[in-house]
Amino acid sequence: MDRIDCMRAFVAVAATGSFAEAARQLRQSPSGTSRAVAELEAQLGLVLFNRTTRSVKLTERGRIYLESCRQILDDIETAEAYARGEGARPQGVLTVAAPILFGRLHILPLVNALLAAQPTLAVRLILSDRNAHLAEEGIDVAVRIGDLGDSSLMARKLGRVCTAIVASPDYLAEHGVPETPDDLKNHAIIAFEPLDTTNEWRIAPGVRPVRLMPRLMVNSADAAITAAEAGVGVTRALSYQVRAGVEAGHLVPILTRYKAPEIPVSALYPPRRIISPNLEAFLQFAGEYFRSNPVVPLWEWGNPG
């Protein structure tokens, strides 16, 4: 079997976690897909998948090889599109991943505008608060909030956020406004578990962390913010998550003299010699969207409270 066809079978199995589903997507028999992967393993002298009766999972070497395969196949597809004179026209499916709330507030409007402008393009939008693995899950571009470390992925900066501590005006009128981080110990705390993995809140650089006992713990930023707006207590979230509530007067930022660190918001995508028209269109629209709708830390809002 052709080496490129074997690579396509390998990538499809890695993306679906199933030989049968990969075969269905490739429109070939499961035995043909299995044979293609086996041929590739024989050529490489490697085991690419750990197979059991219940699951198919990449080996460590398979995970490394997958990223190179995706890049090769993407480059082939893009080169063929340019050769056919289709290089400037986005078409097919672009897969985008983003955090749930950020995706709903910012990436979905961006995608809606992109789809309106590009009638031959389709988008698969995955909203999840976990960091997806781009190569394994067939994701073309992912929006991440946080430091990127030593990621080998390419990054395009979209904005900046920070943590913000907020409560409703009614709650603060009844219980008083905390003036120092230690004052939070005397207040009802609403903890958002993905952000508050411990009970220590690190308010700002150089400020001693404060250990708090939450009265309400939730695993959704939306739920924590809704509870704070209802007057249940004080919560901490990312600035973009609470901006609408603050501007509507439902929430008030507190302890704002303690400046929280900035957190970058980035679009990540695999390094490629040729950027596909689909990805290029998304990055262009993302740049335009965030210039018109900047995502910035609380202290750049103007007068947040």
C-alpha atoms as a PDB file:
ATOM      1  CA  MET A   1       0.000   0.000   0.000  1.00  0.00           C
ATOM      2  CA  ASP A   2       1.172   3.551  -0.716  1.00  0.00           C
ATOM      3  CA  ARG A   3       3.110   5.098   2.204  1.00  0.00           C
ATOM      4  CA  ILE A   4       0.912   8.222   2.219  1.00  0.00           C
ATOM      5  CA  ASP A   5      -2.252   6.099   2.349  1.00  0.00           C
ATOM      6  CA  CYS A   6      -0.768   4.211   5.296  1.00  0.00           C
ATOM      7  CA  MET A   7      -0.102   7.523   7.034  1.00  0.00           C
ATOM      8  CA  ARG A   8      -3.693   8.636   6.417  1.00  0.00           C
ATOM      9  CA  ALA A   9      -4.974   5.403   7.959  1.00  0.00           C
ATOM     10  CA  PHE A  10      -2.672   5.835  10.970  1.00  0.00           C
ATOM     11  CA  VAL A  11      -3.795   9.449  11.538  1.00  0.00           C
ATOM     12  CA  ALA A  12      -7.477   8.490  11.222  1.00  0.00           C
ATOM     13  CA  VAL A  13      -7.141   5.667  13.764  1.00  0.00           C
ATOM     14  CA  ALA A  14      -5.288   7.989  16.169  1.00  0.00           C
ATOM     15  CA  ALA A  15      -8.009  10.644  15.850  1.00  0.00           C
ATOM     16  CA  THR A  16     -10.946   8.235  16.317  1.00  0.00           C
ATOM     17  CA  GLY A  17      -9.401   5.658  18.649  1.00  0.00           C
ATOM     18  CA  SER A  18     -11.010   2.958  16.519  1.00  0.00           C
ATOM     19  CA  PHE A  19     -10.021   1.009  13.416  1.00  0.00           C
ATOM     20  CA  ALA A  20     -13.689   0.564  12.477  1.00  0.00           C
ATOM     21  CA  GLU A  21     -14.529   4.275  12.755  1.00  0.00           C
ATOM     22  CA  ALA A  22     -11.347   5.246  10.919  1.00  0.00           C
ATOM     23  CA  ALA A  23     -12.238   2.813   8.116  1.00  0.00           C
ATOM     24  CA  ARG A  24     -15.736   4.328   7.888  1.00  0.00           C
ATOM     25  CA  GLN A  25     -14.299   7.841   7.569  1.00  0.00           C
ATOM     26  CA  LEU A  26     -11.765   6.689   4.976  1.00  0.00           C
ATOM     27  CA  ARG A  27     -14.446   4.707   3.125  1.00  0.00           C
ATOM     28  CA  GLN A  28     -12.502   1.470   3.220  1.00  0.00           C
ATOM     29  CA  SER A  29     -12.817  -1.851   5.011  1.00  0.00           C
ATOM     30  CA  PRO A  30     -11.641  -2.215   8.635  1.00  0.00           C
ATOM     31  CA  SER A  31      -9.268  -4.966   7.495  1.00  0.00           C
ATOM     32  CA  GLY A  32      -7.778  -2.588   4.915  1.00  0.00           C
ATOM     33  CA  THR A  33      -7.216   0.096   7.565  1.00  0.00           C
ATOM     34  CA  SER A  34      -5.681  -2.433   9.948  1.00  0.00           C
ATOM     35  CA  ARG A  35      -3.411  -3.724   7.192  1.00  0.00           C
ATOM     36  CA  ALA A  36      -2.280  -0.174   6.302  1.00  0.00           C
ATOM     37  CA  VAL A  37      -1.278   0.563   9.901  1.00  0.00           C
ATOM     38  CA  ALA A  38       0.461  -2.819  10.190  1.00  0.00           C
ATOM     39  CA  GLU A  39       2.449  -2.077   7.005  1.00  0.00           C
ATOM     40  CA  LEU A  40       3.472   1.304   8.401  1.00  0.00           C
ATOM     41  CA  GLU A  41       4.609  -0.292  11.666  1.00  0.00           C
ATOM     42  CA  ALA A  42       6.599  -2.885   9.724  1.00  0.00           C
ATOM     43  CA  GLN A  43       8.284  -0.208   7.601  1.00  0.00           C
ATOM     44  CA  LEU A  44       9.187   1.821  10.695  1.00  0.00           C
ATOM     45  CA  GLY A  45      10.064  -1.113  12.929  1.00  0.00           C
ATOM     46  CA  LEU A  46       7.866   0.442  15.620  1.00  0.00           C
ATOM     47  CA  VAL A  47       4.644  -0.343  17.443  1.00  0.00           C
ATOM     48  CA  LEU A  48       2.417   2.702  16.953  1.00  0.00           C
ATOM     49  CA  PHE A  49      -0.651   1.539  18.902  1.00  0.00           C
ATOM     50  CA  ASN A  50      -1.283  -0.510  22.017  1.00  0.00           C
ATOM     51  CA  ARG A  51      -4.277  -2.631  21.039  1.00  0.00           C
ATOM     52  CA  THR A  52      -6.702  -4.372  23.378  1.00  0.00           C
ATOM     53  CA  THR A  53     -10.195  -5.737  22.797  1.00  0.00           C
ATOM     54  CA  ARG A  54     -11.586  -2.521  24.294  1.00  0.00           C
ATOM     55  CA  SER A  55      -9.270   0.253  23.175  1.00  0.00           C
ATOM     56  CA  VAL A  56      -6.651   1.438  20.726  1.00  0.00           C
ATOM     57  CA  LYS A  57      -4.139   3.876  22.218  1.00  0.00           C
ATOM     58  CA  LEU A  58      -1.010   5.478  20.837  1.00  0.00           C
ATOM     59  CA  THR A  59       2.351   4.372  22.158  1.00  0.00           C
ATOM     60  CA  GLU A  60       4.867   7.069  23.104  1.00  0.00           C
ATOM     61  CA  ARG A  61       6.688   6.592  19.779  1.00  0.00           C
ATOM     62  CA  GLY A  62       3.347   6.655  17.993  1.00  0.00           C
ATOM     63  CA  ARG A  63       2.491   9.978  19.594  1.00  0.00           C
ATOM     64  CA  ILE A  64       5.776  11.473  18.402  1.00  0.00           C
ATOM     65  CA  TYR A  65       5.319  10.078  14.878  1.00  0.00           C
ATOM     66  CA  LEU A  66       1.721  11.319  14.703  1.00  0.00           C
ATOM     67  CA  GLU A  67       2.700  14.987  14.849  1.00  0.00           C
ATOM     68  CA  SER A  68       5.093  14.569  11.914  1.00  0.00           C
ATOM     69  CA  CYS A  69       2.483  12.618   9.938  1.00  0.00           C
ATOM     70  CA  ARG A  70      -0.129  15.315  10.400  1.00  0.00           C
ATOM     71  CA  GLN A  71       2.314  17.981   9.244  1.00  0.00           C
ATOM     72  CA  ILE A  72       3.287  15.951   6.155  1.00  0.00           C
ATOM     73  CA  LEU A  73      -0.339  15.264   5.210  1.00  0.00           C
ATOM     74  CA  ASP A  74      -1.347  18.880   5.810  1.00  0.00           C
ATOM     75  CA  ASP A  75       1.516  20.100   3.620  1.00  0.00           C
ATOM     76  CA  ILE A  76       0.531  17.660   0.844  1.00  0.00           C
ATOM     77  CA  GLU A  77      -3.103  18.758   0.988  1.00  0.00           C
ATOM     78  CA  THR A  78      -2.170  22.432   0.956  1.00  0.00           C
ATOM     79  CA  ALA A  79       0.325  22.005  -1.896  1.00  0.00           C
ATOM     80  CA  GLU A  80      -2.285  20.143  -3.962  1.00  0.00           C
ATOM     81  CA  ALA A  81      -4.836  22.891  -3.293  1.00  0.00           C
ATOM     82  CA  TYR A  82      -2.401  25.564  -4.473  1.00  0.00           C
ATOM     83  CA  ALA A  83      -1.572  23.512  -7.560  1.00  0.00           C
ATOM     84  CA  ARG A  84      -5.298  23.315  -8.399  1.00  0.00           C
ATOM     85  CA  GLY A  85      -5.600  27.084  -7.977  1.00  0.00           C
ATOM     86  CA  GLU A  86      -7.496  26.728  -4.704  1.00  0.00           C
ATOM     87  CA  GLY A  87      -4.767  28.108  -2.474  1.00  0.00           C
ATOM     88  CA  ALA A  88      -6.518  31.332  -1.599  1.00  0.00           C
ATOM     89  CA  ARG A  89      -9.946  29.816  -0.943  1.00  0.00           C
ATOM     90  CA  PRO A  90     -10.716  28.295   2.467  1.00  0.00           C
ATOM     91  CA  GLN A  91     -12.763  25.123   2.112  1.00  0.00           C
ATOM     92  CA  GLY A  92     -13.456  21.881   3.937  1.00  0.00           C
ATOM     93  CA  VAL A  93     -13.499  21.623   7.731  1.00  0.00           C
ATOM     94  CA  LEU A  94     -11.445  23.631  10.233  1.00  0.00           C
ATOM     95  CA  THR A  95     -11.390  22.194  13.775  1.00  0.00           C
ATOM     96  CA  VAL A  96     -11.104  24.795  16.552  1.00  0.00           C
ATOM     97  CA  ALA A  97     -10.843  24.153  20.314  1.00  0.00           C
ATOM     98  CA  ALA A  98     -11.418  26.745  23.056  1.00  0.00           C
ATOM     99  CA  PRO A  99     -12.326  26.978  26.770  1.00  0.00           C
ATOM    100  CA  ILE A 100     -16.094  26.769  27.319  1.00  0.00           C
ATOM    101  CA  LEU A 101     -16.914  30.289  28.501  1.00  0.00           C
ATOM    102  CA  PHE A 102     -14.267  32.066  26.440  1.00  0.00           C
ATOM    103  CA  GLY A 103     -15.395  30.081  23.431  1.00  0.00           C
ATOM    104  CA  ARG A 104     -19.025  31.036  23.914  1.00  0.00           C
ATOM    105  CA  LEU A 105     -18.282  34.718  24.544  1.00  0.00           C
ATOM    106  CA  HIS A 106     -15.559  35.323  21.960  1.00  0.00           C
ATOM    107  CA  ILE A 107     -14.699  32.412  19.667  1.00  0.00           C
ATOM    108  CA  LEU A 108     -18.268  31.609  18.593  1.00  0.00           C
ATOM    109  CA  PRO A 109     -18.923  35.206  17.379  1.00  0.00           C
ATOM    110  CA  LEU A 110     -15.573  35.106  15.570  1.00  0.00           C
ATOM    111  CA  VAL A 111     -16.473  31.774  13.922  1.00  0.00           C
ATOM    112  CA  ASN A 112     -19.924  33.076  12.957  1.00  0.00           C
ATOM    113  CA  ALA A 113     -18.304  36.000  11.143  1.00  0.00           C
ATOM    114  CA  LEU A 114     -15.789  33.685   9.479  1.00  0.00           C
ATOM    115  CA  LEU A 115     -18.526  31.353   8.213  1.00  0.00           C
ATOM    116  CA  ALA A 116     -20.533  34.285   6.852  1.00  0.00           C
ATOM    117  CA  ALA A 117     -17.510  35.454   4.875  1.00  0.00           C
ATOM    118  CA  GLN A 118     -16.336  32.021   3.689  1.00  0.00           C
ATOM    119  CA  PRO A 119     -19.273  30.005   2.281  1.00  0.00           C
ATOM    120  CA  THR A 120     -17.087  27.014   1.308  1.00  0.00           C
ATOM    121  CA  LEU A 121     -15.652  26.617   4.824  1.00  0.00           C
ATOM    122  CA  ALA A 122     -17.109  24.530   7.680  1.00  0.00           C
ATOM    123  CA  VAL A 123     -15.971  24.752  11.307  1.00  0.00           C
ATOM    124  CA  ARG A 124     -16.006  22.108  14.019  1.00  0.00           C
ATOM    125  CA  LEU A 125     -15.890  24.037  17.307  1.00  0.00           C
ATOM    126  CA  ILE A 126     -14.906  22.033  20.418  1.00  0.00           C
ATOM    127  CA  LEU A 127     -15.579  23.814  23.740  1.00  0.00           C
ATOM    128  CA  SER A 128     -13.863  22.230  26.732  1.00  0.00           C
ATOM    129  CA  ASP A 129     -11.901  23.502  29.727  1.00  0.00           C
ATOM    130  CA  ARG A 130      -9.257  20.792  29.388  1.00  0.00           C
ATOM    131  CA  ASN A 131      -6.212  21.355  27.203  1.00  0.00           C
ATOM    132  CA  ALA A 132      -6.725  19.123  24.184  1.00  0.00           C
ATOM    133  CA  HIS A 133      -3.784  17.498  22.375  1.00  0.00           C
ATOM    134  CA  LEU A 134      -3.862  18.993  18.895  1.00  0.00           C
ATOM    135  CA  ALA A 135      -2.163  16.192  16.993  1.00  0.00           C
ATOM    136  CA  GLU A 136      -3.996  13.323  18.665  1.00  0.00           C
ATOM    137  CA  GLU A 137      -7.438  14.923  18.399  1.00  0.00           C
ATOM    138  CA  GLY A 138      -7.153  16.380  14.911  1.00  0.00           C
ATOM    139  CA  ILE A 139      -7.407  20.002  16.073  1.00  0.00           C
ATOM    140  CA  ASP A 140      -6.163  22.677  13.667  1.00  0.00           C
ATOM    141  CA  VAL A 141      -6.050  25.578  16.140  1.00  0.00           C
ATOM    142  CA  ALA A 142      -6.663  25.821  19.888  1.00  0.00           C
ATOM    143  CA  VAL A 143      -7.248  28.879  22.058  1.00  0.00           C
ATOM    144  CA  ARG A 144      -5.364  28.670  25.366  1.00  0.00           C
ATOM    145  CA  ILE A 145      -5.471  30.910  28.418  1.00  0.00           C
ATOM    146  CA  GLY A 146      -2.234  30.726  30.386  1.00  0.00           C
ATOM    147  CA  ASP A 147       1.524  30.617  29.993  1.00  0.00           C
ATOM    148  CA  LEU A 148       2.616  28.353  27.155  1.00  0.00           C
ATOM    149  CA  GLY A 149       5.908  27.208  28.644  1.00  0.00           C
ATOM    150  CA  ASP A 150       8.172  25.487  26.131  1.00  0.00           C
ATOM    151  CA  SER A 151       5.413  24.449  23.750  1.00  0.00           C
ATOM    152  CA  SER A 152       6.651  23.440  20.299  1.00  0.00           C
ATOM    153  CA  LEU A 153       3.417  24.824  18.820  1.00  0.00           C
ATOM    154  CA  MET A 154       3.201  28.125  16.992  1.00  0.00           C
ATOM    155  CA  ALA A 155       1.362  30.850  18.936  1.00  0.00           C
ATOM    156  CA  ARG A 156      -0.548  33.977  17.939  1.00  0.00           C
ATOM    157  CA  LYS A 157      -1.338  36.352  20.817  1.00  0.00           C
ATOM    158  CA  LEU A 158      -5.032  37.263  21.060  1.00  0.00           C
ATOM    159  CA  GLY A 159      -5.218  39.172  24.337  1.00  0.00           C
ATOM    160  CA  ARG A 160      -4.464  39.300  28.063  1.00  0.00           C
ATOM    161  CA  VAL A 161      -6.546  38.612  31.155  1.00  0.00           C
ATOM    162  CA  CYS A 162      -6.019  38.485  34.918  1.00  0.00           C
ATOM    163  CA  THR A 163      -7.797  37.064  37.926  1.00  0.00           C
ATOM    164  CA  ALA A 164     -10.466  39.290  39.485  1.00  0.00           C
ATOM    165  CA  ILE A 165     -12.113  39.040  42.915  1.00  0.00           C
ATOM    166  CA  VAL A 166     -15.744  40.124  42.885  1.00  0.00           C
ATOM    167  CA  ALA A 167     -18.949  40.184  44.906  1.00  0.00           C
ATOM    168  CA  SER A 168     -22.412  41.648  44.441  1.00  0.00           C
ATOM    169  CA  PRO A 169     -23.192  45.194  45.669  1.00  0.00           C
ATOM    170  CA  ASP A 170     -25.864  43.798  48.039  1.00  0.00           C
ATOM    171  CA  TYR A 171     -23.424  41.294  49.579  1.00  0.00           C
ATOM    172  CA  LEU A 172     -20.804  44.004  50.153  1.00  0.00           C
ATOM    173  CA  ALA A 173     -23.382  46.387  51.600  1.00  0.00           C
ATOM    174  CA  GLU A 174     -24.386  43.732  54.155  1.00  0.00           C
ATOM    175  CA  HIS A 175     -20.971  42.217  54.960  1.00  0.00           C
ATOM    176  CA  GLY A 176     -18.534  45.050  54.263  1.00  0.00           C
ATOM    177  CA  VAL A 177     -15.819  45.468  51.649  1.00  0.00           C
ATOM    178  CA  PRO A 178     -12.562  43.536  52.235  1.00  0.00           C
ATOM    179  CA  GLU A 179      -9.613  45.918  52.351  1.00  0.00           C
ATOM    180  CA  THR A 180      -6.788  43.350  52.569  1.00  0.00           C
ATOM    181  CA  PRO A 181      -6.423  39.716  51.454  1.00  0.00           C
ATOM    182  CA  ASP A 182      -6.625  38.563  55.099  1.00  0.00           C
ATOM    183  CA  ASP A 183     -10.068  40.200  55.348  1.00  0.00           C
ATOM    184  CA  LEU A 184     -11.368  37.498  52.966  1.00  0.00           C
ATOM    185  CA  LYS A 185     -11.189  35.015  55.859  1.00  0.00           C
ATOM    186  CA  ASN A 186     -14.254  36.750  57.309  1.00  0.00           C
ATOM    187  CA  HIS A 187     -16.327  36.341  54.155  1.00  0.00           C
ATOM    188  CA  ALA A 188     -18.290  33.584  52.436  1.00  0.00           C
ATOM    189  CA  ILE A 189     -16.074  32.258  49.634  1.00  0.00           C
ATOM    190  CA  ILE A 190     -17.289  30.740  46.369  1.00  0.00           C
ATOM    191  CA  ALA A 191     -14.518  28.595  44.895  1.00  0.00           C
ATOM    192  CA  PHE A 192     -14.272  27.675  41.219  1.00  0.00           C
ATOM    193  CA  GLU A 193     -12.432  24.348  41.398  1.00  0.00           C
ATOM    194  CA  PRO A 194     -10.406  24.473  38.136  1.00  0.00           C
ATOM    195  CA  LEU A 195      -9.003  27.884  39.161  1.00  0.00           C
ATOM    196  CA  ASP A 196      -8.799  27.199  42.906  1.00  0.00           C
ATOM    197  CA  THR A 197      -7.117  23.795  42.957  1.00  0.00           C
ATOM    198  CA  THR A 198      -6.090  24.483  46.557  1.00  0.00           C
ATOM    199  CA  ASN A 199      -7.700  26.640  49.235  1.00  0.00           C
ATOM    200  CA  GLU A 200      -4.853  29.168  48.937  1.00  0.00           C
ATOM    201  CA  TRP A 201      -5.597  32.290  46.945  1.00  0.00           C
ATOM    202  CA  ARG A 202      -2.505  33.977  45.512  1.00  0.00           C
ATOM    203  CA  ILE A 203      -3.737  37.514  45.111  1.00  0.00           C
ATOM    204  CA  ALA A 204      -0.693  39.268  43.609  1.00  0.00           C
ATOM    205  CA  PRO A 205       3.100  38.945  43.369  1.00  0.00           C
ATOM    206  CA  GLY A 206       4.795  39.737  46.654  1.00  0.00           C
ATOM    207  CA  VAL A 207       1.563  39.293  48.639  1.00  0.00           C
ATOM    208  CA  ARG A 208       1.399  36.385  51.069  1.00  0.00           C
ATOM    209  CA  PRO A 209      -1.162  33.782  49.901  1.00  0.00           C
ATOM    210  CA  VAL A 210      -4.301  33.580  52.028  1.00  0.00           C
ATOM    211  CA  ARG A 211      -5.813  30.218  52.968  1.00  0.00           C
ATOM    212  CA  LEU A 212      -9.613  30.226  52.751  1.00  0.00           C
ATOM    213  CA  MET A 213     -12.381  27.740  53.511  1.00  0.00           C
ATOM    214  CA  PRO A 214     -15.000  27.944  50.738  1.00  0.00           C
ATOM    215  CA  ARG A 215     -18.673  27.953  51.617  1.00  0.00           C
ATOM    216  CA  LEU A 216     -19.602  26.929  48.065  1.00  0.00           C
ATOM    217  CA  MET A 217     -17.434  24.943  45.628  1.00  0.00           C
ATOM    218  CA  VAL A 218     -18.426  24.597  41.957  1.00  0.00           C
ATOM    219  CA  ASN A 219     -16.744  23.228  38.837  1.00  0.00           C
ATOM    220  CA  SER A 220     -18.182  25.876  36.492  1.00  0.00           C
ATOM    221  CA  ALA A 221     -17.122  29.504  36.175  1.00  0.00           C
ATOM    222  CA  ASP A 222     -20.667  30.404  35.109  1.00  0.00           C
ATOM    223  CA  ALA A 223     -22.045  28.869  38.321  1.00  0.00           C
ATOM    224  CA  ALA A 224     -19.527  30.665  40.546  1.00  0.00           C
ATOM    225  CA  ILE A 225     -20.293  34.019  38.921  1.00  0.00           C
ATOM    226  CA  THR A 226     -24.065  33.463  39.076  1.00  0.00           C
ATOM    227  CA  ALA A 227     -23.801  32.612  42.785  1.00  0.00           C
ATOM    228  CA  ALA A 228     -21.761  35.765  43.411  1.00  0.00           C
ATOM    229  CA  GLU A 229     -24.331  37.885  41.561  1.00  0.00           C
ATOM    230  CA  ALA A 230     -27.031  36.325  43.772  1.00  0.00           C
ATOM    231  CA  GLY A 231     -25.201  37.540  46.881  1.00  0.00           C
ATOM    232  CA  VAL A 232     -23.909  34.164  48.117  1.00  0.00           C
ATOM    233  CA  GLY A 233     -20.401  35.458  48.653  1.00  0.00           C
ATOM    234  CA  VAL A 234     -17.066  36.459  47.127  1.00  0.00           C
ATOM    235  CA  THR A 235     -15.585  34.634  44.159  1.00  0.00           C
ATOM    236  CA  ARG A 236     -12.462  34.767  42.040  1.00  0.00           C
ATOM    237  CA  ALA A 237     -12.589  34.337  38.257  1.00  0.00           C
ATOM    238  CA  LEU A 238     -10.778  35.511  35.152  1.00  0.00           C
ATOM    239  CA  SER A 239     -11.384  39.128  34.196  1.00  0.00           C
ATOM    240  CA  TYR A 240     -13.116  38.369  30.892  1.00  0.00           C
ATOM    241  CA  GLN A 241     -15.557  36.078  32.730  1.00  0.00           C
ATOM    242  CA  VAL A 242     -16.852  38.803  35.056  1.00  0.00           C
ATOM    243  CA  ARG A 243     -16.637  41.874  32.824  1.00  0.00           C
ATOM    244  CA  ALA A 244     -20.257  41.767  31.672  1.00  0.00           C
ATOM    245  CA  GLY A 245     -21.475  41.408  35.270  1.00  0.00           C
ATOM    246  CA  VAL A 246     -19.302  44.296  36.441  1.00  0.00           C
ATOM    247  CA  GLU A 247     -20.374  46.589  33.611  1.00  0.00           C
ATOM    248  CA  ALA A 248     -24.048  45.722  34.281  1.00  0.00           C
ATOM    249  CA  GLY A 249     -23.628  46.616  37.959  1.00  0.00           C
ATOM    250  CA  HIS A 250     -24.265  43.054  39.179  1.00  0.00           C
ATOM    251  CA  LEU A 251     -20.703  42.624  40.491  1.00  0.00           C
ATOM    252  CA  VAL A 252     -18.076  44.867  42.052  1.00  0.00           C
ATOM    253  CA  PRO A 253     -14.314  44.187  41.825  1.00  0.00           C
ATOM    254  CA  ILE A 254     -12.594  44.230  45.208  1.00  0.00           C
ATOM    255  CA  LEU A 255      -8.946  44.366  46.349  1.00  0.00           C
ATOM    256  CA  THR A 256      -8.117  46.044  43.034  1.00  0.00           C
ATOM    257  CA  ARG A 257      -5.044  47.775  44.473  1.00  0.00           C
ATOM    258  CA  TYR A 258      -3.419  44.335  44.517  1.00  0.00           C
ATOM    259  CA  LYS A 259      -2.491  43.915  40.850  1.00  0.00           C
ATOM    260  CA  ALA A 260      -2.826  40.317  39.705  1.00  0.00           C
ATOM    261  CA  PRO A 261      -0.372  38.972  37.073  1.00  0.00           C
ATOM    262  CA  GLU A 262      -1.355  39.184  33.432  1.00  0.00           C
ATOM    263  CA  ILE A 263      -2.281  35.883  31.767  1.00  0.00           C
ATOM    264  CA  PRO A 264      -1.838  35.573  27.981  1.00  0.00           C
ATOM    265  CA  VAL A 265      -4.591  34.383  25.644  1.00  0.00           C
ATOM    266  CA  SER A 266      -3.143  32.675  22.565  1.00  0.00           C
ATOM    267  CA  ALA A 267      -4.124  30.774  19.452  1.00  0.00           C
ATOM    268  CA  LEU A 268      -1.922  27.688  19.092  1.00  0.00           C
ATOM    269  CA  TYR A 269      -1.386  25.661  15.950  1.00  0.00           C
ATOM    270  CA  PRO A 270       1.158  23.097  14.731  1.00  0.00           C
ATOM    271  CA  PRO A 271       4.271  24.423  12.996  1.00  0.00           C
ATOM    272  CA  ARG A 272       3.936  24.039   9.237  1.00  0.00           C
ATOM    273  CA  ARG A 273       5.974  25.147   6.266  1.00  0.00           C
ATOM    274  CA  ILE A 274       2.744  26.232   4.562  1.00  0.00           C
ATOM    275  CA  ILE A 275      -0.193  27.583   6.583  1.00  0.00           C
ATOM    276  CA  SER A 276      -3.439  26.211   5.183  1.00  0.00           C
ATOM    277  CA  PRO A 277      -5.977  28.692   3.763  1.00  0.00           C
ATOM    278  CA  ASN A 278      -8.451  27.592   6.465  1.00  0.00           C
ATOM    279  CA  LEU A 279      -6.058  28.365   9.307  1.00  0.00           C
ATOM    280  CA  GLU A 280      -4.893  31.572   7.635  1.00  0.00           C
ATOM    281  CA  ALA A 281      -8.511  32.761   7.358  1.00  0.00           C
ATOM    282  CA  PHE A 282      -9.186  31.962  11.035  1.00  0.00           C
ATOM    283  CA  LEU A 283      -6.065  33.805  12.222  1.00  0.00           C
ATOM    284  CA  GLN A 284      -6.943  36.808  10.070  1.00  0.00           C
ATOM    285  CA  PHE A 285     -10.487  36.982  11.458  1.00  0.00           C
ATOM    286  CA  ALA A 286      -9.178  36.428  14.997  1.00  0.00           C
ATOM    287  CA  GLY A 287      -6.833  39.403  14.622  1.00  0.00           C
ATOM    288  CA  GLU A 288      -9.652  41.609  13.353  1.00  0.00           C
ATOM    289  CA  TYR A 289     -12.107  40.422  16.031  1.00  0.00           C
ATOM    290  CA  PHE A 290      -9.784  41.001  18.982  1.00  0.00           C
ATOM    291  CA  ARG A 291      -8.710  44.403  17.691  1.00  0.00           C
ATOM    292  CA  SER A 292     -12.383  45.423  17.738  1.00  0.00           C
ATOM    293  CA  ASN A 293     -13.200  43.482  20.939  1.00  0.00           C
ATOM    294  CA  PRO A 294      -9.991  43.583  22.987  1.00  0.00           C
ATOM    295  CA  VAL A 295      -9.572  41.133  25.845  1.00  0.00           C
ATOM    296  CA  VAL A 296      -7.555  43.007  28.490  1.00  0.00           C
ATOM    297  CA  PRO A 297      -6.925  42.874  32.268  1.00  0.00           C
ATOM    298  CA  LEU A 298      -9.354  44.533  34.651  1.00  0.00           C
ATOM    299  CA  TRP A 299      -7.266  47.692  35.149  1.00  0.00           C
ATOM    300  CA  GLU A 300      -7.501  48.479  31.424  1.00  0.00           C
ATOM    301  CA  TRP A 301     -11.320  48.481  31.351  1.00  0.00           C
ATOM    302  CA  GLY A 302     -11.497  52.165  32.205  1.00  0.00           C
ATOM    303  CA  ASN A 303     -13.425  52.418  35.470  1.00  0.00           C
ATOM    304  CA  PRO A 304     -14.398  48.857  36.464  1.00  0.00           C
ATOM    305  CA  GLY A 305     -15.959  49.575  39.804  1.00  0.00           C
END
